[in-house]
Amino acid sequence: MSLLGRDLAVDLGGASTRIYAHGKGIVLDEPSAVILDDRTGKVIAYGADATGEEACRPVSGGLPVDGELTRRMVRHFLSKVHRRPFARPRLVMALPDNCTPIERAALSDLAFEADARRIVLIPHSLAAALGAGLPVDSFAGHMVIDIGRDSARIAVLSSGAAVATASVPGGGEAVNRAIVRLVEQEHGLLLDEREAESAKRDIGTEWKPLDRHVTVRARDPDTGREREVRLPVQQVYEATRQPVEAIVRAAMETVERCPAELAADLGGRGAVLLGGGALLRGLARRLRASLEMPVRRAERPLECVAFGLGRFVDDMGLIARLRSGLAWAGPDR
C-alpha cells in the first residue's frame, strides 16, 4: 500500500495499534505484539503475525514499557503504510493524561527514532472524545470512559481540556485474569486469554439470569488435553466483581472532583463508553445505575481514539483552534 499523504495518526494501544492516514481513514489495525527468537533474541514477527502465548506486549497505557521493541514495532507498521523512501511522515499520537515529562519525552523520542519528521501529541481524553463525536470545544462537561486491555481511563472534558481524570490499572485484562484464576482454582485447568475473553463477552457484566452457564475450553496441565468446563454465571460474577467495581468507583470519584456546574451537565449529557471493554454486554447499564446519569456506548468504540487523532490529521487547523490543550513535541526534522 502506497499512500500519497505524509500525515499519519498512530493510536498506540496496549491491545492494538491503529494507523490513520490523511484522506484514507484507518489503514492499519494490528495487535501491539512482537515475537522474539528464543535463541537469538531477534524479532521474528510483528502485529498480526505475532500470535500465541509467546508474544510480547511492549505497550501499556499508551506508553512504551519496552522502548526498543516499541520503536521497532512502530517502524514496522509505518513501513507497511508509508512506502516513500525519502518522505518522513508527520505523526499525530495520543499522550496519556497526567503523564510525566519523562514519559512525554519517551513517546516523542520513540516517534522520531521511528523516522517521524514531526510529532504532535494530543491528550488521550481529547482524542477519545473527538472520535466519539463529542463537541469538545463547548463549555459544557462531557465524560469519556475508555476501557482498554491494560487500563481504564476516565476523563471529564470542558472547553477542549480535561477537567478531571482517573486511571484504573488492569482494564479488560484484569477481568480476564479473574476468570483464568477461577478456572484454575475450581477445576485445576489452564485457560488461555482468548478463551477468557470469549467467556467475558458471552456473559457480559449484567450477569442475568444468574442461573445461566457459560462453556469454556481449558487445558489439563498434566495431560495437555483440552476439556470443556461449564462455569456458573453467578460464580464468574463473584470472581470478577472487584475489577469491574474498581472502574465504577473511579468513574464516580472523577465526577465528584468536578465543579458543581460540570457535574450538573453530566447529569443530563452523561458519559460515552469506548475501548474494547465497551463491548461487554450490560456494562453501560451498570455504570448508568451507579453514576445516575446516561451512559451510552460509542458507535465504533474500538476505533474512537484513532478517529479522534485522525481529525487532526485531516484538519491541521484544528490544532490551532485547540492549541491551548495541545503540546508540540518538536520542530520539523
C-alpha atoms as a PDB file:
ATOM      1  CA  MET A   1       0.000   0.000   0.000  1.00  0.00           C
ATOM      2  CA  SER A   2       1.459   3.342  -1.031  1.00  0.00           C
ATOM      3  CA  LEU A   3      -0.080   6.476   0.435  1.00  0.00           C
ATOM      4  CA  LEU A   4       0.164   9.887  -1.133  1.00  0.00           C
ATOM      5  CA  GLY A   5      -0.180  11.817   2.111  1.00  0.00           C
ATOM      6  CA  ARG A   6       2.602  12.241   4.612  1.00  0.00           C
ATOM      7  CA  ASP A   7       0.410  12.875   7.668  1.00  0.00           C
ATOM      8  CA  LEU A   8      -0.445   9.864   9.822  1.00  0.00           C
ATOM      9  CA  ALA A   9      -2.142   9.316  13.168  1.00  0.00           C
ATOM     10  CA  VAL A  10      -0.898   6.445  15.321  1.00  0.00           C
ATOM     11  CA  ASP A  11      -3.122   5.101  18.091  1.00  0.00           C
ATOM     12  CA  LEU A  12      -0.617   3.119  20.153  1.00  0.00           C
ATOM     13  CA  GLY A  13      -2.730   0.863  22.352  1.00  0.00           C
ATOM     14  CA  GLY A  14      -1.876  -1.974  24.676  1.00  0.00           C
ATOM     15  CA  ALA A  15      -4.036  -4.366  22.642  1.00  0.00           C
ATOM     16  CA  SER A  16      -3.804  -2.939  19.121  1.00  0.00           C
ATOM     17  CA  THR A  17      -2.063  -0.254  17.099  1.00  0.00           C
ATOM     18  CA  ARG A  18      -4.151   1.607  14.548  1.00  0.00           C
ATOM     19  CA  ILE A  19      -2.815   3.989  11.900  1.00  0.00           C
ATOM     20  CA  TYR A  20      -4.998   6.619  10.265  1.00  0.00           C
ATOM     21  CA  ALA A  21      -3.843   8.272   7.030  1.00  0.00           C
ATOM     22  CA  HIS A  22      -4.951  11.651   5.731  1.00  0.00           C
ATOM     23  CA  GLY A  23      -7.795  11.167   3.265  1.00  0.00           C
ATOM     24  CA  LYS A  24      -7.724   7.392   3.692  1.00  0.00           C
ATOM     25  CA  GLY A  25      -9.050   6.618   7.166  1.00  0.00           C
ATOM     26  CA  ILE A  26      -7.734   3.682   9.190  1.00  0.00           C
ATOM     27  CA  VAL A  27      -5.210   1.846   7.021  1.00  0.00           C
ATOM     28  CA  LEU A  28      -3.694  -0.492   9.622  1.00  0.00           C
ATOM     29  CA  ASP A  29      -5.186  -2.282  12.629  1.00  0.00           C
ATOM     30  CA  GLU A  30      -2.919  -4.935  14.144  1.00  0.00           C
ATOM     31  CA  PRO A  31      -2.116  -6.286  17.617  1.00  0.00           C
ATOM     32  CA  SER A  32       0.568  -4.386  19.525  1.00  0.00           C
ATOM     33  CA  ALA A  33       2.635  -7.549  19.764  1.00  0.00           C
ATOM     34  CA  VAL A  34       6.029  -8.923  18.796  1.00  0.00           C
ATOM     35  CA  ILE A  35       7.650 -12.351  18.990  1.00  0.00           C
ATOM     36  CA  LEU A  36      11.332 -12.812  19.777  1.00  0.00           C
ATOM     37  CA  ASP A  37      13.512 -15.720  18.731  1.00  0.00           C
ATOM     38  CA  ASP A  38      14.355 -17.630  21.918  1.00  0.00           C
ATOM     39  CA  ARG A  39      17.895 -18.294  20.763  1.00  0.00           C
ATOM     40  CA  THR A  40      18.989 -15.020  19.174  1.00  0.00           C
ATOM     41  CA  GLY A  41      16.628 -12.537  20.808  1.00  0.00           C
ATOM     42  CA  LYS A  42      15.773 -11.043  17.405  1.00  0.00           C
ATOM     43  CA  VAL A  43      12.232 -10.046  16.492  1.00  0.00           C
ATOM     44  CA  ILE A  44      10.748 -12.643  14.145  1.00  0.00           C
ATOM     45  CA  ALA A  45       7.126 -11.444  13.950  1.00  0.00           C
ATOM     46  CA  TYR A  46       5.104  -8.267  14.438  1.00  0.00           C
ATOM     47  CA  GLY A  47       1.426  -7.457  14.793  1.00  0.00           C
ATOM     48  CA  ALA A  48      -0.973  -9.863  13.135  1.00  0.00           C
ATOM     49  CA  ASP A  49       1.857 -12.366  12.645  1.00  0.00           C
ATOM     50  CA  ALA A  50       2.774 -12.337  16.356  1.00  0.00           C
ATOM     51  CA  THR A  51       0.252 -14.834  17.709  1.00  0.00           C
ATOM     52  CA  GLY A  52       0.486 -17.298  20.560  1.00  0.00           C
ATOM     53  CA  GLU A  53       1.365 -17.210  24.222  1.00  0.00           C
ATOM     54  CA  GLU A  54       4.994 -16.311  23.484  1.00  0.00           C
ATOM     55  CA  ALA A  55       4.032 -12.909  22.031  1.00  0.00           C
ATOM     56  CA  CYS A  56       5.368  -9.843  23.899  1.00  0.00           C
ATOM     57  CA  ARG A  57       3.242  -6.755  24.542  1.00  0.00           C
ATOM     58  CA  PRO A  58       5.669  -3.785  24.609  1.00  0.00           C
ATOM     59  CA  VAL A  59       2.994  -1.098  25.188  1.00  0.00           C
ATOM     60  CA  SER A  60       0.890  -0.411  28.270  1.00  0.00           C
ATOM     61  CA  GLY A  61      -1.441   2.503  28.940  1.00  0.00           C
ATOM     62  CA  GLY A  62      -0.475   4.186  25.678  1.00  0.00           C
ATOM     63  CA  LEU A  63       3.228   4.302  26.606  1.00  0.00           C
ATOM     64  CA  PRO A  64       6.163   2.039  25.760  1.00  0.00           C
ATOM     65  CA  VAL A  65       7.203  -0.335  28.526  1.00  0.00           C
ATOM     66  CA  ASP A  66       9.976  -1.626  26.275  1.00  0.00           C
ATOM     67  CA  GLY A  67      11.188   1.348  24.259  1.00  0.00           C
ATOM     68  CA  GLU A  68      13.335  -0.592  21.807  1.00  0.00           C
ATOM     69  CA  LEU A  69      10.681  -3.182  20.950  1.00  0.00           C
ATOM     70  CA  THR A  70       8.008  -0.494  20.650  1.00  0.00           C
ATOM     71  CA  ARG A  71      10.202   1.604  18.339  1.00  0.00           C
ATOM     72  CA  ARG A  72      10.861  -1.361  16.068  1.00  0.00           C
ATOM     73  CA  MET A  73       7.192  -2.327  16.066  1.00  0.00           C
ATOM     74  CA  VAL A  74       6.056   1.206  15.187  1.00  0.00           C
ATOM     75  CA  ARG A  75       8.686   1.485  12.457  1.00  0.00           C
ATOM     76  CA  HIS A  76       7.497  -1.844  11.032  1.00  0.00           C
ATOM     77  CA  PHE A  77       3.871  -0.683  10.995  1.00  0.00           C
ATOM     78  CA  LEU A  78       4.796   2.656   9.410  1.00  0.00           C
ATOM     79  CA  SER A  79       6.762   0.882   6.678  1.00  0.00           C
ATOM     80  CA  LYS A  80       3.638  -1.067   5.749  1.00  0.00           C
ATOM     81  CA  VAL A  81       1.554   2.040   5.098  1.00  0.00           C
ATOM     82  CA  HIS A  82       4.115   4.687   4.139  1.00  0.00           C
ATOM     83  CA  ARG A  83       6.393   3.406   1.405  1.00  0.00           C
ATOM     84  CA  ARG A  84       8.001   6.652   0.342  1.00  0.00           C
ATOM     85  CA  PRO A  85      11.741   6.251   0.907  1.00  0.00           C
ATOM     86  CA  PHE A  86      12.599   9.954   1.079  1.00  0.00           C
ATOM     87  CA  ALA A  87       9.484  11.234   2.867  1.00  0.00           C
ATOM     88  CA  ARG A  88       9.429  11.114   6.643  1.00  0.00           C
ATOM     89  CA  PRO A  89       5.836  11.282   7.887  1.00  0.00           C
ATOM     90  CA  ARG A  90       4.385  13.757  10.321  1.00  0.00           C
ATOM     91  CA  LEU A  91       2.759  11.788  13.157  1.00  0.00           C
ATOM     92  CA  VAL A  92      -0.123  12.609  15.476  1.00  0.00           C
ATOM     93  CA  MET A  93      -0.203  10.435  18.604  1.00  0.00           C
ATOM     94  CA  ALA A  94      -2.177  10.276  21.850  1.00  0.00           C
ATOM     95  CA  LEU A  95      -0.467  11.393  25.043  1.00  0.00           C
ATOM     96  CA  PRO A  96      -1.897   9.776  28.219  1.00  0.00           C
ATOM     97  CA  ASP A  97      -3.498  12.325  30.531  1.00  0.00           C
ATOM     98  CA  ASN A  98      -1.375  13.289  33.539  1.00  0.00           C
ATOM     99  CA  CYS A  99       1.755  11.632  32.181  1.00  0.00           C
ATOM    100  CA  THR A 100       5.158  12.824  33.395  1.00  0.00           C
ATOM    101  CA  PRO A 101       7.598  14.940  31.359  1.00  0.00           C
ATOM    102  CA  ILE A 102       9.848  11.888  31.134  1.00  0.00           C
ATOM    103  CA  GLU A 103       7.013   9.795  29.654  1.00  0.00           C
ATOM    104  CA  ARG A 104       6.177  12.600  27.231  1.00  0.00           C
ATOM    105  CA  ALA A 105       9.802  12.755  26.111  1.00  0.00           C
ATOM    106  CA  ALA A 106       9.961   8.966  25.741  1.00  0.00           C
ATOM    107  CA  LEU A 107       6.939   8.965  23.417  1.00  0.00           C
ATOM    108  CA  SER A 108       8.387  11.813  21.354  1.00  0.00           C
ATOM    109  CA  ASP A 109      11.795  10.153  21.093  1.00  0.00           C
ATOM    110  CA  LEU A 110      10.173   6.886  20.043  1.00  0.00           C
ATOM    111  CA  ALA A 111       8.370   8.599  17.161  1.00  0.00           C
ATOM    112  CA  PHE A 112      11.475  10.398  15.934  1.00  0.00           C
ATOM    113  CA  GLU A 113      13.538   7.215  16.162  1.00  0.00           C
ATOM    114  CA  ALA A 114      10.867   5.543  14.042  1.00  0.00           C
ATOM    115  CA  ASP A 115      11.658   8.164  11.351  1.00  0.00           C
ATOM    116  CA  ALA A 116       8.900  10.688  12.018  1.00  0.00           C
ATOM    117  CA  ARG A 117       9.551  14.210  10.701  1.00  0.00           C
ATOM    118  CA  ARG A 118       7.355  15.856  13.322  1.00  0.00           C
ATOM    119  CA  ILE A 119       5.325  14.543  16.223  1.00  0.00           C
ATOM    120  CA  VAL A 120       2.175  16.195  17.558  1.00  0.00           C
ATOM    121  CA  LEU A 121       0.957  14.868  20.912  1.00  0.00           C
ATOM    122  CA  ILE A 122      -2.767  15.063  21.598  1.00  0.00           C
ATOM    123  CA  PRO A 123      -4.201  14.393  25.078  1.00  0.00           C
ATOM    124  CA  HIS A 124      -5.750  10.932  25.037  1.00  0.00           C
ATOM    125  CA  SER A 125      -9.049  12.093  26.516  1.00  0.00           C
ATOM    126  CA  LEU A 126      -9.394  14.793  23.851  1.00  0.00           C
ATOM    127  CA  ALA A 127      -8.747  12.311  21.026  1.00  0.00           C
ATOM    128  CA  ALA A 128     -11.208   9.842  22.546  1.00  0.00           C
ATOM    129  CA  ALA A 129     -13.918  12.487  22.888  1.00  0.00           C
ATOM    130  CA  LEU A 130     -13.403  13.756  19.340  1.00  0.00           C
ATOM    131  CA  GLY A 131     -13.572  10.225  17.965  1.00  0.00           C
ATOM    132  CA  ALA A 132     -16.789   9.612  19.874  1.00  0.00           C
ATOM    133  CA  GLY A 133     -18.333  12.698  18.259  1.00  0.00           C
ATOM    134  CA  LEU A 134     -18.463  14.910  21.357  1.00  0.00           C
ATOM    135  CA  PRO A 135     -18.332  18.717  20.976  1.00  0.00           C
ATOM    136  CA  VAL A 136     -15.094  19.153  22.895  1.00  0.00           C
ATOM    137  CA  ASP A 137     -14.851  22.909  22.312  1.00  0.00           C
ATOM    138  CA  SER A 138     -18.073  23.631  24.232  1.00  0.00           C
ATOM    139  CA  PHE A 139     -18.137  24.869  27.824  1.00  0.00           C
ATOM    140  CA  ALA A 140     -20.440  22.021  28.843  1.00  0.00           C
ATOM    141  CA  GLY A 141     -18.996  18.965  30.556  1.00  0.00           C
ATOM    142  CA  HIS A 142     -18.603  15.655  28.732  1.00  0.00           C
ATOM    143  CA  MET A 143     -17.329  12.352  30.109  1.00  0.00           C
ATOM    144  CA  VAL A 144     -15.432   9.567  28.352  1.00  0.00           C
ATOM    145  CA  ILE A 145     -14.704   6.141  29.849  1.00  0.00           C
ATOM    146  CA  ASP A 146     -12.126   4.238  27.797  1.00  0.00           C
ATOM    147  CA  ILE A 147     -11.683   0.629  28.937  1.00  0.00           C
ATOM    148  CA  GLY A 148      -8.616  -0.760  27.221  1.00  0.00           C
ATOM    149  CA  ARG A 149      -6.730  -4.004  27.532  1.00  0.00           C
ATOM    150  CA  ASP A 150      -4.458  -2.950  30.385  1.00  0.00           C
ATOM    151  CA  SER A 151      -6.128   0.120  31.887  1.00  0.00           C
ATOM    152  CA  ALA A 152      -9.386   2.022  32.124  1.00  0.00           C
ATOM    153  CA  ARG A 153      -9.065   5.766  31.577  1.00  0.00           C
ATOM    154  CA  ILE A 154     -11.764   8.186  32.637  1.00  0.00           C
ATOM    155  CA  ALA A 155     -11.966  11.907  31.910  1.00  0.00           C
ATOM    156  CA  VAL A 156     -14.377  14.810  32.127  1.00  0.00           C
ATOM    157  CA  LEU A 157     -13.716  17.483  29.498  1.00  0.00           C
ATOM    158  CA  SER A 158     -14.810  21.065  29.063  1.00  0.00           C
ATOM    159  CA  SER A 159     -13.627  23.719  26.588  1.00  0.00           C
ATOM    160  CA  GLY A 160     -11.195  21.324  24.908  1.00  0.00           C
ATOM    161  CA  ALA A 161      -9.348  20.274  28.075  1.00  0.00           C
ATOM    162  CA  ALA A 162      -9.631  17.565  30.721  1.00  0.00           C
ATOM    163  CA  VAL A 163     -11.011  18.912  33.999  1.00  0.00           C
ATOM    164  CA  ALA A 164     -10.813  15.655  35.983  1.00  0.00           C
ATOM    165  CA  THR A 165      -9.190  12.345  35.082  1.00  0.00           C
ATOM    166  CA  ALA A 166      -8.617   8.910  36.571  1.00  0.00           C
ATOM    167  CA  SER A 167      -6.874   5.713  35.545  1.00  0.00           C
ATOM    168  CA  VAL A 168      -7.540   2.174  36.762  1.00  0.00           C
ATOM    169  CA  PRO A 169      -4.822  -0.405  36.071  1.00  0.00           C
ATOM    170  CA  GLY A 170      -5.867  -3.721  34.624  1.00  0.00           C
ATOM    171  CA  GLY A 171      -8.811  -2.741  32.444  1.00  0.00           C
ATOM    172  CA  GLY A 172     -10.355  -5.589  30.486  1.00  0.00           C
ATOM    173  CA  GLU A 173      -7.299  -7.753  31.117  1.00  0.00           C
ATOM    174  CA  ALA A 174      -7.993  -7.738  34.868  1.00  0.00           C
ATOM    175  CA  VAL A 175     -11.424  -9.248  34.234  1.00  0.00           C
ATOM    176  CA  ASN A 176      -9.853 -11.920  32.024  1.00  0.00           C
ATOM    177  CA  ARG A 177      -7.273 -12.773  34.682  1.00  0.00           C
ATOM    178  CA  ALA A 178     -10.033 -13.210  37.264  1.00  0.00           C
ATOM    179  CA  ILE A 179     -11.752 -15.752  35.007  1.00  0.00           C
ATOM    180  CA  VAL A 180      -8.446 -17.577  34.428  1.00  0.00           C
ATOM    181  CA  ARG A 181      -7.877 -17.792  38.203  1.00  0.00           C
ATOM    182  CA  LEU A 182     -11.396 -19.093  38.743  1.00  0.00           C
ATOM    183  CA  VAL A 183     -10.917 -21.971  36.296  1.00  0.00           C
ATOM    184  CA  GLU A 184      -7.533 -22.850  37.778  1.00  0.00           C
ATOM    185  CA  GLN A 185      -8.713 -22.766  41.391  1.00  0.00           C
ATOM    186  CA  GLU A 186     -12.022 -24.563  40.876  1.00  0.00           C
ATOM    187  CA  HIS A 187     -11.055 -27.057  38.171  1.00  0.00           C
ATOM    188  CA  GLY A 188      -7.257 -27.239  38.153  1.00  0.00           C
ATOM    189  CA  LEU A 189      -7.175 -26.341  34.464  1.00  0.00           C
ATOM    190  CA  LEU A 190      -5.336 -23.697  32.444  1.00  0.00           C
ATOM    191  CA  LEU A 191      -7.421 -21.196  30.488  1.00  0.00           C
ATOM    192  CA  ASP A 192      -5.790 -19.004  27.838  1.00  0.00           C
ATOM    193  CA  GLU A 193      -6.567 -15.333  27.389  1.00  0.00           C
ATOM    194  CA  ARG A 194      -8.619 -15.783  24.235  1.00  0.00           C
ATOM    195  CA  GLU A 195     -10.986 -18.235  25.950  1.00  0.00           C
ATOM    196  CA  ALA A 196     -11.290 -15.922  28.950  1.00  0.00           C
ATOM    197  CA  GLU A 197     -12.084 -13.002  26.635  1.00  0.00           C
ATOM    198  CA  SER A 198     -14.723 -15.071  24.841  1.00  0.00           C
ATOM    199  CA  ALA A 199     -16.322 -16.104  28.133  1.00  0.00           C
ATOM    200  CA  LYS A 200     -16.353 -12.483  29.312  1.00  0.00           C
ATOM    201  CA  ARG A 201     -18.121 -11.345  26.156  1.00  0.00           C
ATOM    202  CA  ASP A 202     -20.638 -14.216  26.322  1.00  0.00           C
ATOM    203  CA  ILE A 203     -21.564 -13.491  29.922  1.00  0.00           C
ATOM    204  CA  GLY A 204     -21.434  -9.713  29.895  1.00  0.00           C
ATOM    205  CA  THR A 205     -21.471  -7.599  33.056  1.00  0.00           C
ATOM    206  CA  GLU A 206     -25.175  -7.667  33.858  1.00  0.00           C
ATOM    207  CA  TRP A 207     -24.838 -11.399  34.687  1.00  0.00           C
ATOM    208  CA  LYS A 208     -28.595 -12.067  34.468  1.00  0.00           C
ATOM    209  CA  PRO A 209     -30.177 -14.525  34.765  1.00  0.00           C
ATOM    210  CA  LEU A 210     -27.657 -15.768  37.298  1.00  0.00           C
ATOM    211  CA  ASP A 211     -28.585 -19.436  36.861  1.00  0.00           C
ATOM    212  CA  ARG A 212     -27.016 -19.453  33.376  1.00  0.00           C
ATOM    213  CA  HIS A 213     -23.738 -21.178  32.493  1.00  0.00           C
ATOM    214  CA  VAL A 214     -21.003 -20.397  30.002  1.00  0.00           C
ATOM    215  CA  THR A 215     -18.781 -23.080  28.457  1.00  0.00           C
ATOM    216  CA  VAL A 216     -15.025 -22.656  28.017  1.00  0.00           C
ATOM    217  CA  ARG A 217     -12.249 -24.936  26.773  1.00  0.00           C
ATOM    218  CA  ALA A 218      -9.301 -25.266  29.158  1.00  0.00           C
ATOM    219  CA  ARG A 219      -6.159 -27.393  29.156  1.00  0.00           C
ATOM    220  CA  ASP A 220      -5.213 -30.072  31.657  1.00  0.00           C
ATOM    221  CA  PRO A 221      -1.652 -29.197  32.822  1.00  0.00           C
ATOM    222  CA  ASP A 222      -0.799 -32.883  33.385  1.00  0.00           C
ATOM    223  CA  THR A 223      -2.010 -34.411  30.122  1.00  0.00           C
ATOM    224  CA  GLY A 224      -2.084 -31.343  27.853  1.00  0.00           C
ATOM    225  CA  ARG A 225      -5.559 -32.311  26.715  1.00  0.00           C
ATOM    226  CA  GLU A 226      -8.392 -29.811  26.380  1.00  0.00           C
ATOM    227  CA  ARG A 227     -11.555 -30.133  28.407  1.00  0.00           C
ATOM    228  CA  GLU A 228     -14.843 -28.293  28.336  1.00  0.00           C
ATOM    229  CA  VAL A 229     -15.882 -26.620  31.569  1.00  0.00           C
ATOM    230  CA  ARG A 230     -19.297 -25.148  32.392  1.00  0.00           C
ATOM    231  CA  LEU A 231     -18.937 -22.061  34.558  1.00  0.00           C
ATOM    232  CA  PRO A 232     -21.965 -20.797  36.509  1.00  0.00           C
ATOM    233  CA  VAL A 233     -22.585 -17.128  35.738  1.00  0.00           C
ATOM    234  CA  GLN A 234     -23.058 -16.406  39.449  1.00  0.00           C
ATOM    235  CA  GLN A 235     -19.587 -17.815  40.164  1.00  0.00           C
ATOM    236  CA  VAL A 236     -17.983 -15.747  37.420  1.00  0.00           C
ATOM    237  CA  TYR A 237     -19.831 -12.670  38.656  1.00  0.00           C
ATOM    238  CA  GLU A 238     -18.319 -13.046  42.116  1.00  0.00           C
ATOM    239  CA  ALA A 239     -14.832 -13.762  40.728  1.00  0.00           C
ATOM    240  CA  THR A 240     -14.786 -10.649  38.538  1.00  0.00           C
ATOM    241  CA  ARG A 241     -16.686  -8.252  40.765  1.00  0.00           C
ATOM    242  CA  GLN A 242     -13.557  -6.472  42.025  1.00  0.00           C
ATOM    243  CA  PRO A 243     -12.060  -5.241  38.697  1.00  0.00           C
ATOM    244  CA  VAL A 244     -15.468  -4.120  37.384  1.00  0.00           C
ATOM    245  CA  GLU A 245     -16.331  -2.309  40.609  1.00  0.00           C
ATOM    246  CA  ALA A 246     -12.913  -0.588  40.564  1.00  0.00           C
ATOM    247  CA  ILE A 247     -13.856   1.031  37.240  1.00  0.00           C
ATOM    248  CA  VAL A 248     -17.272   2.047  38.564  1.00  0.00           C
ATOM    249  CA  ARG A 249     -15.736   3.611  41.712  1.00  0.00           C
ATOM    250  CA  ALA A 250     -13.130   5.511  39.714  1.00  0.00           C
ATOM    251  CA  ALA A 251     -15.845   6.942  37.464  1.00  0.00           C
ATOM    252  CA  MET A 252     -17.877   8.050  40.477  1.00  0.00           C
ATOM    253  CA  GLU A 253     -14.835   9.683  42.113  1.00  0.00           C
ATOM    254  CA  THR A 254     -13.995  11.508  38.882  1.00  0.00           C
ATOM    255  CA  VAL A 255     -17.467  13.057  38.815  1.00  0.00           C
ATOM    256  CA  GLU A 256     -17.112  14.066  42.477  1.00  0.00           C
ATOM    257  CA  ARG A 257     -13.926  16.021  41.675  1.00  0.00           C
ATOM    258  CA  CYS A 258     -15.669  18.105  39.013  1.00  0.00           C
ATOM    259  CA  PRO A 259     -17.021  21.619  39.670  1.00  0.00           C
ATOM    260  CA  ALA A 260     -20.707  21.561  40.526  1.00  0.00           C
ATOM    261  CA  GLU A 261     -21.788  23.090  37.217  1.00  0.00           C
ATOM    262  CA  LEU A 262     -19.950  20.436  35.204  1.00  0.00           C
ATOM    263  CA  ALA A 263     -21.339  17.650  37.369  1.00  0.00           C
ATOM    264  CA  ALA A 264     -24.796  19.045  36.639  1.00  0.00           C
ATOM    265  CA  ASP A 265     -24.023  18.962  32.903  1.00  0.00           C
ATOM    266  CA  LEU A 266     -23.052  15.301  33.172  1.00  0.00           C
ATOM    267  CA  GLY A 267     -26.358  14.514  34.845  1.00  0.00           C
ATOM    268  CA  GLY A 268     -28.056  15.420  31.581  1.00  0.00           C
ATOM    269  CA  ARG A 269     -25.429  14.608  28.958  1.00  0.00           C
ATOM    270  CA  GLY A 270     -23.916  11.566  30.611  1.00  0.00           C
ATOM    271  CA  ALA A 271     -20.866   9.571  29.597  1.00  0.00           C
ATOM    272  CA  VAL A 272     -19.632   7.772  26.497  1.00  0.00           C
ATOM    273  CA  LEU A 273     -18.112   4.302  26.854  1.00  0.00           C
ATOM    274  CA  LEU A 274     -15.365   3.225  24.465  1.00  0.00           C
ATOM    275  CA  GLY A 275     -12.444   0.833  24.103  1.00  0.00           C
ATOM    276  CA  GLY A 276     -12.575  -2.948  23.977  1.00  0.00           C
ATOM    277  CA  GLY A 277     -14.253  -3.108  27.389  1.00  0.00           C
ATOM    278  CA  ALA A 278     -17.205  -1.168  25.989  1.00  0.00           C
ATOM    279  CA  LEU A 279     -18.204  -4.354  24.139  1.00  0.00           C
ATOM    280  CA  LEU A 280     -19.118  -6.041  27.414  1.00  0.00           C
ATOM    281  CA  ARG A 281     -22.850  -6.538  27.464  1.00  0.00           C
ATOM    282  CA  GLY A 282     -24.556  -4.672  30.275  1.00  0.00           C
ATOM    283  CA  LEU A 283     -21.591  -2.530  31.337  1.00  0.00           C
ATOM    284  CA  ALA A 284     -23.245   0.688  30.204  1.00  0.00           C
ATOM    285  CA  ARG A 285     -26.339  -0.188  32.239  1.00  0.00           C
ATOM    286  CA  ARG A 286     -24.214  -0.939  35.288  1.00  0.00           C
ATOM    287  CA  LEU A 287     -22.399   2.389  35.043  1.00  0.00           C
ATOM    288  CA  ARG A 288     -25.686   4.181  34.410  1.00  0.00           C
ATOM    289  CA  ALA A 289     -27.150   2.826  37.641  1.00  0.00           C
ATOM    290  CA  SER A 290     -24.079   3.702  39.729  1.00  0.00           C
ATOM    291  CA  LEU A 291     -23.432   7.148  38.238  1.00  0.00           C
ATOM    292  CA  GLU A 292     -27.120   8.065  37.973  1.00  0.00           C
ATOM    293  CA  MET A 293     -26.569   9.558  34.538  1.00  0.00           C
ATOM    294  CA  PRO A 294     -26.992   8.456  30.912  1.00  0.00           C
ATOM    295  CA  VAL A 295     -24.197   6.175  29.681  1.00  0.00           C
ATOM    296  CA  ARG A 296     -24.000   5.094  26.054  1.00  0.00           C
ATOM    297  CA  ARG A 297     -21.549   3.076  24.044  1.00  0.00           C
ATOM    298  CA  ALA A 298     -19.755   4.861  21.211  1.00  0.00           C
ATOM    299  CA  GLU A 299     -20.744   3.824  17.708  1.00  0.00           C
ATOM    300  CA  ARG A 300     -17.286   2.362  16.958  1.00  0.00           C
ATOM    301  CA  PRO A 301     -15.742   2.026  20.426  1.00  0.00           C
ATOM    302  CA  LEU A 302     -12.528   0.274  19.392  1.00  0.00           C
ATOM    303  CA  GLU A 303     -11.581   2.971  16.889  1.00  0.00           C
ATOM    304  CA  CYS A 304     -12.586   6.175  18.689  1.00  0.00           C
ATOM    305  CA  VAL A 305      -9.067   7.279  19.625  1.00  0.00           C
ATOM    306  CA  ALA A 306      -7.748   6.587  16.118  1.00  0.00           C
ATOM    307  CA  PHE A 307     -10.610   8.558  14.579  1.00  0.00           C
ATOM    308  CA  GLY A 308     -10.088  11.394  17.050  1.00  0.00           C
ATOM    309  CA  LEU A 309      -6.392  11.603  16.184  1.00  0.00           C
ATOM    310  CA  GLY A 310      -7.387  11.407  12.534  1.00  0.00           C
ATOM    311  CA  ARG A 311      -9.409  14.597  12.925  1.00  0.00           C
ATOM    312  CA  PHE A 312      -6.136  16.458  13.487  1.00  0.00           C
ATOM    313  CA  VAL A 313      -4.539  14.729  10.506  1.00  0.00           C
ATOM    314  CA  ASP A 314      -7.411  15.714   8.208  1.00  0.00           C
ATOM    315  CA  ASP A 315      -7.684  19.253   9.594  1.00  0.00           C
ATOM    316  CA  MET A 316      -4.407  20.638  10.900  1.00  0.00           C
ATOM    317  CA  GLY A 317      -6.252  23.911  11.548  1.00  0.00           C
ATOM    318  CA  LEU A 318      -7.947  22.134  14.427  1.00  0.00           C
ATOM    319  CA  ILE A 319      -4.601  22.203  16.218  1.00  0.00           C
ATOM    320  CA  ALA A 320      -4.523  25.994  16.193  1.00  0.00           C
ATOM    321  CA  ARG A 321      -8.146  26.218  17.361  1.00  0.00           C
ATOM    322  CA  LEU A 322      -7.472  23.949  20.337  1.00  0.00           C
ATOM    323  CA  ARG A 323      -3.806  24.815  20.771  1.00  0.00           C
ATOM    324  CA  SER A 324      -4.067  25.624  24.470  1.00  0.00           C
ATOM    325  CA  GLY A 325      -4.808  21.985  25.164  1.00  0.00           C
ATOM    326  CA  LEU A 326      -2.113  20.535  22.920  1.00  0.00           C
ATOM    327  CA  ALA A 327       1.640  20.044  23.079  1.00  0.00           C
ATOM    328  CA  TRP A 328       4.075  20.271  20.186  1.00  0.00           C
ATOM    329  CA  ALA A 329       6.829  17.784  20.784  1.00  0.00           C
ATOM    330  CA  GLY A 330       9.361  19.249  18.380  1.00  0.00           C
ATOM    331  CA  PRO A 331      10.015  21.051  15.126  1.00  0.00           C
ATOM    332  CA  ASP A 332      10.289  19.583  11.668  1.00  0.00           C
ATOM    333  CA  ARG A 333      13.322  17.377  11.249  1.00  0.00           C
END
